[in-house]
């Protein structure tokens, strides 16, 4: 009797189901590095770049095109989430930070397309021409862990228990269950059918760049802020099934 992968019950229940449970802990933090002598009034900037749709992309493009800024990933907001990702892969947090930035800079939603863009630049010097697409492999393993229940509160260690009943899930009316001998099929399915999505930033419409007290989703990200003399912007990581 073959062992089966225990999939999180939240993973494929209906269209556009969330693969990675999100919250403030899945915010990724980027430093905005400005040319010497350039300063920005954050409140003024956030007000002028506020829009009902596409405000994060607009703000990032404005920083790069109008202020000559560089945008560099720094860390995950949640140290626990960072530790979980580090256990999985020492470079995973940095890799996700790069992928999420590609989403907004290039306007891509598909994880596959973002991964292809990142691989074409090979910023981690994996020498993919020699060793194959390491970026794709790492993203697939991450998505598998998310499907098995990785969250900011829970670490997935890829432990399979043959004594547990398999989780049977419905996707487009079909019953789906993967054995450990079908890992490639599962990973490929996730890689080809997942996308980044944008949650509500939680801003006060009357005061862009500030938390809205009645916000239901208190992610509070997507605006420029200054801390200890440095400029930063947070971007929320949320992944769903297409």
C-alpha atoms as a PDB file:
ATOM      1  CA  UNK A   1       0.000   0.000   0.000  1.00  0.00           C
ATOM      2  CA  UNK A   2       1.587   3.264  -1.120  1.00  0.00           C
ATOM      3  CA  UNK A   3       2.051   6.227   1.163  1.00  0.00           C
ATOM      4  CA  UNK A   4       0.158   9.394   0.341  1.00  0.00           C
ATOM      5  CA  UNK A   5       0.896  13.072   0.626  1.00  0.00           C
ATOM      6  CA  UNK A   6      -1.243  14.788   3.226  1.00  0.00           C
ATOM      7  CA  UNK A   7      -2.538  17.885   1.489  1.00  0.00           C
ATOM      8  CA  UNK A   8      -3.865  20.786   3.496  1.00  0.00           C
ATOM      9  CA  UNK A   9      -7.677  20.825   3.382  1.00  0.00           C
ATOM     10  CA  UNK A  10      -7.596  24.481   2.420  1.00  0.00           C
ATOM     11  CA  UNK A  11      -5.518  23.972  -0.685  1.00  0.00           C
ATOM     12  CA  UNK A  12      -7.942  23.257  -3.525  1.00  0.00           C
ATOM     13  CA  UNK A  13     -11.412  23.838  -2.161  1.00  0.00           C
ATOM     14  CA  UNK A  14     -13.004  25.736  -5.018  1.00  0.00           C
ATOM     15  CA  UNK A  15     -11.630  28.172  -7.543  1.00  0.00           C
ATOM     16  CA  UNK A  16      -9.092  30.789  -6.506  1.00  0.00           C
ATOM     17  CA  UNK A  17      -8.434  28.973  -3.238  1.00  0.00           C
ATOM     18  CA  UNK A  18      -5.607  30.316  -1.111  1.00  0.00           C
ATOM     19  CA  UNK A  19      -2.560  28.083  -1.222  1.00  0.00           C
ATOM     20  CA  UNK A  20      -0.520  30.056   1.319  1.00  0.00           C
ATOM     21  CA  UNK A  21      -2.400  31.369   4.359  1.00  0.00           C
ATOM     22  CA  UNK A  22      -1.570  35.039   4.578  1.00  0.00           C
ATOM     23  CA  UNK A  23      -1.508  37.827   7.106  1.00  0.00           C
ATOM     24  CA  UNK A  24       0.883  40.535   8.304  1.00  0.00           C
ATOM     25  CA  UNK A  25       3.449  37.779   8.861  1.00  0.00           C
ATOM     26  CA  UNK A  26       3.717  37.158   5.128  1.00  0.00           C
ATOM     27  CA  UNK A  27       4.675  40.759   4.411  1.00  0.00           C
ATOM     28  CA  UNK A  28       8.097  41.015   2.778  1.00  0.00           C
ATOM     29  CA  UNK A  29      10.120  44.160   3.429  1.00  0.00           C
ATOM     30  CA  UNK A  30      12.122  45.995   0.755  1.00  0.00           C
ATOM     31  CA  UNK A  31      14.533  48.878   1.208  1.00  0.00           C
ATOM     32  CA  UNK A  32      14.218  51.817  -1.153  1.00  0.00           C
ATOM     33  CA  UNK A  33      17.746  53.056  -1.850  1.00  0.00           C
ATOM     34  CA  UNK A  34      17.744  56.600  -3.206  1.00  0.00           C
ATOM     35  CA  UNK A  35      20.582  58.478  -4.917  1.00  0.00           C
ATOM     36  CA  UNK A  36      22.697  60.580  -2.577  1.00  0.00           C
ATOM     37  CA  UNK A  37      20.984  63.792  -1.587  1.00  0.00           C
ATOM     38  CA  UNK A  38      17.500  62.655  -2.638  1.00  0.00           C
ATOM     39  CA  UNK A  39      14.805  62.674   0.035  1.00  0.00           C
ATOM     40  CA  UNK A  40      11.083  61.931  -0.086  1.00  0.00           C
ATOM     41  CA  UNK A  41       8.193  63.170   2.013  1.00  0.00           C
ATOM     42  CA  UNK A  42       6.435  59.831   2.588  1.00  0.00           C
ATOM     43  CA  UNK A  43       2.981  61.279   3.274  1.00  0.00           C
ATOM     44  CA  UNK A  44       3.131  63.421   0.141  1.00  0.00           C
ATOM     45  CA  UNK A  45       4.431  60.524  -1.948  1.00  0.00           C
ATOM     46  CA  UNK A  46       1.781  58.086  -0.720  1.00  0.00           C
ATOM     47  CA  UNK A  47      -0.977  60.614  -1.315  1.00  0.00           C
ATOM     48  CA  UNK A  48       0.130  61.395  -4.891  1.00  0.00           C
ATOM     49  CA  UNK A  49       0.541  57.718  -5.798  1.00  0.00           C
ATOM     50  CA  UNK A  50      -2.697  56.487  -4.252  1.00  0.00           C
ATOM     51  CA  UNK A  51      -5.085  54.835  -6.694  1.00  0.00           C
ATOM     52  CA  UNK A  52      -7.950  52.410  -6.354  1.00  0.00           C
ATOM     53  CA  UNK A  53      -6.149  49.820  -8.482  1.00  0.00           C
ATOM     54  CA  UNK A  54      -2.485  49.126  -9.135  1.00  0.00           C
ATOM     55  CA  UNK A  55      -1.137  51.463  -6.462  1.00  0.00           C
ATOM     56  CA  UNK A  56       1.771  49.202  -5.459  1.00  0.00           C
ATOM     57  CA  UNK A  57       2.999  48.906  -9.042  1.00  0.00           C
ATOM     58  CA  UNK A  58       2.538  52.664  -9.484  1.00  0.00           C
ATOM     59  CA  UNK A  59       4.516  53.425  -6.355  1.00  0.00           C
ATOM     60  CA  UNK A  60       7.377  51.110  -7.269  1.00  0.00           C
ATOM     61  CA  UNK A  61       7.538  52.479 -10.815  1.00  0.00           C
ATOM     62  CA  UNK A  62       7.481  56.057  -9.507  1.00  0.00           C
ATOM     63  CA  UNK A  63      10.322  55.336  -7.109  1.00  0.00           C
ATOM     64  CA  UNK A  64      12.446  53.824  -9.879  1.00  0.00           C
ATOM     65  CA  UNK A  65      11.571  56.158 -12.757  1.00  0.00           C
ATOM     66  CA  UNK A  66      11.080  59.492 -10.966  1.00  0.00           C
ATOM     67  CA  UNK A  67      13.558  59.183  -8.106  1.00  0.00           C
ATOM     68  CA  UNK A  68      16.188  56.826  -9.516  1.00  0.00           C
ATOM     69  CA  UNK A  69      15.680  54.414  -6.637  1.00  0.00           C
ATOM     70  CA  UNK A  70      16.899  50.841  -6.306  1.00  0.00           C
ATOM     71  CA  UNK A  71      14.564  48.360  -4.633  1.00  0.00           C
ATOM     72  CA  UNK A  72      16.260  45.611  -2.653  1.00  0.00           C
ATOM     73  CA  UNK A  73      14.650  42.849  -0.639  1.00  0.00           C
ATOM     74  CA  UNK A  74      15.655  42.869   3.036  1.00  0.00           C
ATOM     75  CA  UNK A  75      13.599  40.422   5.124  1.00  0.00           C
ATOM     76  CA  UNK A  76      10.266  38.840   5.990  1.00  0.00           C
ATOM     77  CA  UNK A  77       8.215  40.786   8.523  1.00  0.00           C
ATOM     78  CA  UNK A  78       7.680  37.609  10.564  1.00  0.00           C
ATOM     79  CA  UNK A  79      10.883  36.153  11.972  1.00  0.00           C
ATOM     80  CA  UNK A  80       9.056  32.860  12.532  1.00  0.00           C
ATOM     81  CA  UNK A  81       8.053  32.698   8.859  1.00  0.00           C
ATOM     82  CA  UNK A  82      11.662  33.462   7.904  1.00  0.00           C
ATOM     83  CA  UNK A  83      12.883  30.599  10.098  1.00  0.00           C
ATOM     84  CA  UNK A  84      10.375  28.187   8.544  1.00  0.00           C
ATOM     85  CA  UNK A  85      11.509  29.174   5.076  1.00  0.00           C
ATOM     86  CA  UNK A  86      15.161  28.883   6.074  1.00  0.00           C
ATOM     87  CA  UNK A  87      14.594  25.340   7.346  1.00  0.00           C
ATOM     88  CA  UNK A  88      13.078  24.500   3.962  1.00  0.00           C
ATOM     89  CA  UNK A  89      15.775  26.266   1.949  1.00  0.00           C
ATOM     90  CA  UNK A  90      18.383  28.758   3.118  1.00  0.00           C
ATOM     91  CA  UNK A  91      17.723  31.084   0.165  1.00  0.00           C
ATOM     92  CA  UNK A  92      13.946  30.706  -0.029  1.00  0.00           C
ATOM     93  CA  UNK A  93      13.058  34.043   1.597  1.00  0.00           C
ATOM     94  CA  UNK A  94      15.367  35.928  -0.761  1.00  0.00           C
ATOM     95  CA  UNK A  95      14.027  33.975  -3.739  1.00  0.00           C
ATOM     96  CA  UNK A  96      10.401  34.765  -2.857  1.00  0.00           C
ATOM     97  CA  UNK A  97      11.346  38.402  -2.346  1.00  0.00           C
ATOM     98  CA  UNK A  98      12.746  38.533  -5.878  1.00  0.00           C
ATOM     99  CA  UNK A  99       9.738  36.753  -7.381  1.00  0.00           C
ATOM    100  CA  UNK A 100       7.226  39.055  -5.693  1.00  0.00           C
ATOM    101  CA  UNK A 101       9.099  42.110  -6.918  1.00  0.00           C
ATOM    102  CA  UNK A 102       8.964  40.756 -10.479  1.00  0.00           C
ATOM    103  CA  UNK A 103       5.169  40.495 -10.152  1.00  0.00           C
ATOM    104  CA  UNK A 104       4.850  44.226  -9.608  1.00  0.00           C
ATOM    105  CA  UNK A 105       7.722  45.489 -11.752  1.00  0.00           C
ATOM    106  CA  UNK A 106       6.878  43.301 -14.769  1.00  0.00           C
ATOM    107  CA  UNK A 107       3.152  42.973 -14.154  1.00  0.00           C
ATOM    108  CA  UNK A 108       3.197  39.164 -14.140  1.00  0.00           C
ATOM    109  CA  UNK A 109       0.871  37.191 -11.857  1.00  0.00           C
ATOM    110  CA  UNK A 110       1.772  33.592 -12.700  1.00  0.00           C
ATOM    111  CA  UNK A 111       4.431  32.059 -10.478  1.00  0.00           C
ATOM    112  CA  UNK A 112       5.696  30.129 -13.480  1.00  0.00           C
ATOM    113  CA  UNK A 113       6.266  33.261 -15.532  1.00  0.00           C
ATOM    114  CA  UNK A 114       7.870  35.104 -12.613  1.00  0.00           C
ATOM    115  CA  UNK A 115      10.165  32.134 -12.044  1.00  0.00           C
ATOM    116  CA  UNK A 116      11.141  32.050 -15.711  1.00  0.00           C
ATOM    117  CA  UNK A 117      11.975  35.757 -15.567  1.00  0.00           C
ATOM    118  CA  UNK A 118      14.098  35.257 -12.452  1.00  0.00           C
ATOM    119  CA  UNK A 119      15.891  32.277 -13.977  1.00  0.00           C
ATOM    120  CA  UNK A 120      16.729  34.303 -17.074  1.00  0.00           C
ATOM    121  CA  UNK A 121      18.643  36.751 -14.855  1.00  0.00           C
ATOM    122  CA  UNK A 122      20.085  34.026 -12.557  1.00  0.00           C
ATOM    123  CA  UNK A 123      20.829  36.473  -9.698  1.00  0.00           C
ATOM    124  CA  UNK A 124      21.886  33.620  -7.390  1.00  0.00           C
ATOM    125  CA  UNK A 125      24.490  32.330  -9.876  1.00  0.00           C
ATOM    126  CA  UNK A 126      23.106  28.787  -9.991  1.00  0.00           C
ATOM    127  CA  UNK A 127      24.623  28.231 -13.446  1.00  0.00           C
ATOM    128  CA  UNK A 128      21.355  26.799 -14.721  1.00  0.00           C
ATOM    129  CA  UNK A 129      22.863  26.168 -18.138  1.00  0.00           C
ATOM    130  CA  UNK A 130      24.963  23.474 -16.462  1.00  0.00           C
ATOM    131  CA  UNK A 131      22.822  22.285 -13.564  1.00  0.00           C
ATOM    132  CA  UNK A 132      19.294  22.826 -14.832  1.00  0.00           C
ATOM    133  CA  UNK A 133      16.571  25.213 -13.675  1.00  0.00           C
ATOM    134  CA  UNK A 134      17.271  25.307  -9.946  1.00  0.00           C
ATOM    135  CA  UNK A 135      14.820  28.201  -9.534  1.00  0.00           C
ATOM    136  CA  UNK A 136      11.945  26.112 -10.860  1.00  0.00           C
ATOM    137  CA  UNK A 137      12.889  23.215  -8.591  1.00  0.00           C
ATOM    138  CA  UNK A 138      12.984  25.429  -5.496  1.00  0.00           C
ATOM    139  CA  UNK A 139       9.644  27.093  -6.284  1.00  0.00           C
ATOM    140  CA  UNK A 140       7.992  23.719  -6.851  1.00  0.00           C
ATOM    141  CA  UNK A 141       9.213  22.434  -3.491  1.00  0.00           C
ATOM    142  CA  UNK A 142       7.923  25.590  -1.800  1.00  0.00           C
ATOM    143  CA  UNK A 143       4.493  25.199  -3.396  1.00  0.00           C
ATOM    144  CA  UNK A 144       4.387  21.558  -2.334  1.00  0.00           C
ATOM    145  CA  UNK A 145       5.093  22.597   1.262  1.00  0.00           C
ATOM    146  CA  UNK A 146       2.310  25.189   1.066  1.00  0.00           C
ATOM    147  CA  UNK A 147      -0.105  22.525  -0.191  1.00  0.00           C
ATOM    148  CA  UNK A 148       0.902  20.314   2.725  1.00  0.00           C
ATOM    149  CA  UNK A 149       0.128  23.026   5.250  1.00  0.00           C
ATOM    150  CA  UNK A 150       3.050  25.463   5.546  1.00  0.00           C
ATOM    151  CA  UNK A 151       1.851  28.676   7.215  1.00  0.00           C
ATOM    152  CA  UNK A 152       3.371  31.437   9.295  1.00  0.00           C
ATOM    153  CA  UNK A 153       2.290  29.431  12.357  1.00  0.00           C
ATOM    154  CA  UNK A 154       3.217  25.934  11.189  1.00  0.00           C
ATOM    155  CA  UNK A 155       6.351  24.401   9.695  1.00  0.00           C
ATOM    156  CA  UNK A 156       6.064  21.643   7.086  1.00  0.00           C
ATOM    157  CA  UNK A 157       8.917  19.129   7.320  1.00  0.00           C
ATOM    158  CA  UNK A 158       7.838  16.867   4.424  1.00  0.00           C
ATOM    159  CA  UNK A 159       6.994  13.995   6.791  1.00  0.00           C
ATOM    160  CA  UNK A 160       4.602  11.453   5.314  1.00  0.00           C
ATOM    161  CA  UNK A 161       2.639   9.094   7.531  1.00  0.00           C
ATOM    162  CA  UNK A 162       1.202   5.961   5.928  1.00  0.00           C
ATOM    163  CA  UNK A 163      -1.125   5.443   8.902  1.00  0.00           C
ATOM    164  CA  UNK A 164      -3.065   8.632   8.138  1.00  0.00           C
ATOM    165  CA  UNK A 165      -6.014   8.565   5.773  1.00  0.00           C
ATOM    166  CA  UNK A 166      -5.290  10.462   2.555  1.00  0.00           C
ATOM    167  CA  UNK A 167      -6.854  13.871   2.092  1.00  0.00           C
ATOM    168  CA  UNK A 168      -9.170  13.646  -0.903  1.00  0.00           C
ATOM    169  CA  UNK A 169      -9.900  17.021  -2.471  1.00  0.00           C
ATOM    170  CA  UNK A 170     -12.108  18.148  -5.304  1.00  0.00           C
ATOM    171  CA  UNK A 171     -10.763  20.288  -8.110  1.00  0.00           C
ATOM    172  CA  UNK A 172     -13.164  21.228 -10.911  1.00  0.00           C
ATOM    173  CA  UNK A 173     -15.409  18.297  -9.959  1.00  0.00           C
ATOM    174  CA  UNK A 174     -12.679  15.660  -9.959  1.00  0.00           C
ATOM    175  CA  UNK A 175     -11.389  13.705  -7.013  1.00  0.00           C
ATOM    176  CA  UNK A 176      -7.633  14.172  -6.677  1.00  0.00           C
ATOM    177  CA  UNK A 177      -5.141  12.309  -4.512  1.00  0.00           C
ATOM    178  CA  UNK A 178      -1.389  12.124  -5.006  1.00  0.00           C
ATOM    179  CA  UNK A 179       0.919   9.392  -3.741  1.00  0.00           C
ATOM    180  CA  UNK A 180       4.551  10.127  -2.910  1.00  0.00           C
ATOM    181  CA  UNK A 181       5.402   8.451  -6.203  1.00  0.00           C
ATOM    182  CA  UNK A 182       3.556  11.253  -7.991  1.00  0.00           C
ATOM    183  CA  UNK A 183       5.451  14.163  -6.461  1.00  0.00           C
ATOM    184  CA  UNK A 184       6.548  15.476  -9.840  1.00  0.00           C
ATOM    185  CA  UNK A 185       2.932  15.493 -11.033  1.00  0.00           C
ATOM    186  CA  UNK A 186       1.803  17.370  -7.944  1.00  0.00           C
ATOM    187  CA  UNK A 187       4.629  19.893  -8.138  1.00  0.00           C
ATOM    188  CA  UNK A 188       4.063  20.497 -11.838  1.00  0.00           C
ATOM    189  CA  UNK A 189       0.343  21.011 -11.273  1.00  0.00           C
ATOM    190  CA  UNK A 190       1.016  23.611  -8.588  1.00  0.00           C
ATOM    191  CA  UNK A 191       3.753  25.324 -10.612  1.00  0.00           C
ATOM    192  CA  UNK A 192       1.485  25.652 -13.645  1.00  0.00           C
ATOM    193  CA  UNK A 193      -1.670  26.676 -11.771  1.00  0.00           C
ATOM    194  CA  UNK A 194      -0.691  29.206  -9.106  1.00  0.00           C
ATOM    195  CA  UNK A 195      -0.508  32.965  -9.112  1.00  0.00           C
ATOM    196  CA  UNK A 196       0.358  35.891  -6.890  1.00  0.00           C
ATOM    197  CA  UNK A 197      -2.620  37.963  -5.784  1.00  0.00           C
ATOM    198  CA  UNK A 198      -2.883  41.367  -4.149  1.00  0.00           C
ATOM    199  CA  UNK A 199      -4.691  41.690  -0.833  1.00  0.00           C
ATOM    200  CA  UNK A 200      -6.137  44.930   0.488  1.00  0.00           C
ATOM    201  CA  UNK A 201      -3.355  47.203   1.710  1.00  0.00           C
ATOM    202  CA  UNK A 202      -5.484  48.410   4.626  1.00  0.00           C
ATOM    203  CA  UNK A 203      -4.842  52.095   3.976  1.00  0.00           C
ATOM    204  CA  UNK A 204      -7.059  54.906   5.091  1.00  0.00           C
ATOM    205  CA  UNK A 205      -8.486  56.334   1.873  1.00  0.00           C
ATOM    206  CA  UNK A 206      -8.485  59.814   3.341  1.00  0.00           C
ATOM    207  CA  UNK A 207      -4.904  59.425   4.573  1.00  0.00           C
ATOM    208  CA  UNK A 208      -2.950  57.157   2.198  1.00  0.00           C
ATOM    209  CA  UNK A 209       0.034  55.482   3.804  1.00  0.00           C
ATOM    210  CA  UNK A 210      -1.721  55.053   7.153  1.00  0.00           C
ATOM    211  CA  UNK A 211      -3.680  52.072   8.547  1.00  0.00           C
ATOM    212  CA  UNK A 212      -7.446  52.269   8.251  1.00  0.00           C
ATOM    213  CA  UNK A 213      -8.885  51.576  11.735  1.00  0.00           C
ATOM    214  CA  UNK A 214     -11.861  49.603  10.393  1.00  0.00           C
ATOM    215  CA  UNK A 215      -9.797  47.517   7.955  1.00  0.00           C
ATOM    216  CA  UNK A 216     -10.878  43.866   8.007  1.00  0.00           C
ATOM    217  CA  UNK A 217      -7.545  42.659   6.642  1.00  0.00           C
ATOM    218  CA  UNK A 218      -4.893  44.272   8.784  1.00  0.00           C
ATOM    219  CA  UNK A 219      -1.962  43.540   6.481  1.00  0.00           C
ATOM    220  CA  UNK A 220      -0.968  47.237   6.383  1.00  0.00           C
ATOM    221  CA  UNK A 221       1.502  47.191   3.532  1.00  0.00           C
ATOM    222  CA  UNK A 222       2.158  48.752   0.141  1.00  0.00           C
ATOM    223  CA  UNK A 223       3.127  52.295   1.116  1.00  0.00           C
ATOM    224  CA  UNK A 224       6.431  54.069   1.543  1.00  0.00           C
ATOM    225  CA  UNK A 225       7.652  54.657   5.095  1.00  0.00           C
ATOM    226  CA  UNK A 226      10.843  55.796   6.780  1.00  0.00           C
ATOM    227  CA  UNK A 227      12.540  54.090   9.699  1.00  0.00           C
ATOM    228  CA  UNK A 228      15.925  54.895  11.259  1.00  0.00           C
ATOM    229  CA  UNK A 229      16.812  57.107   8.316  1.00  0.00           C
ATOM    230  CA  UNK A 230      16.020  54.474   5.672  1.00  0.00           C
ATOM    231  CA  UNK A 231      13.058  54.144   3.315  1.00  0.00           C
ATOM    232  CA  UNK A 232      11.100  50.908   3.068  1.00  0.00           C
ATOM    233  CA  UNK A 233       7.998  49.392   1.513  1.00  0.00           C
ATOM    234  CA  UNK A 234       6.225  46.188   2.534  1.00  0.00           C
ATOM    235  CA  UNK A 235       4.615  43.858  -0.005  1.00  0.00           C
ATOM    236  CA  UNK A 236       2.270  41.069   1.033  1.00  0.00           C
ATOM    237  CA  UNK A 237       2.928  37.529  -0.206  1.00  0.00           C
ATOM    238  CA  UNK A 238      -0.293  35.738  -1.156  1.00  0.00           C
ATOM    239  CA  UNK A 239      -0.560  32.759  -3.516  1.00  0.00           C
ATOM    240  CA  UNK A 240      -3.746  31.221  -4.912  1.00  0.00           C
ATOM    241  CA  UNK A 241      -4.758  28.481  -7.282  1.00  0.00           C
ATOM    242  CA  UNK A 242      -5.772  29.898 -10.675  1.00  0.00           C
END
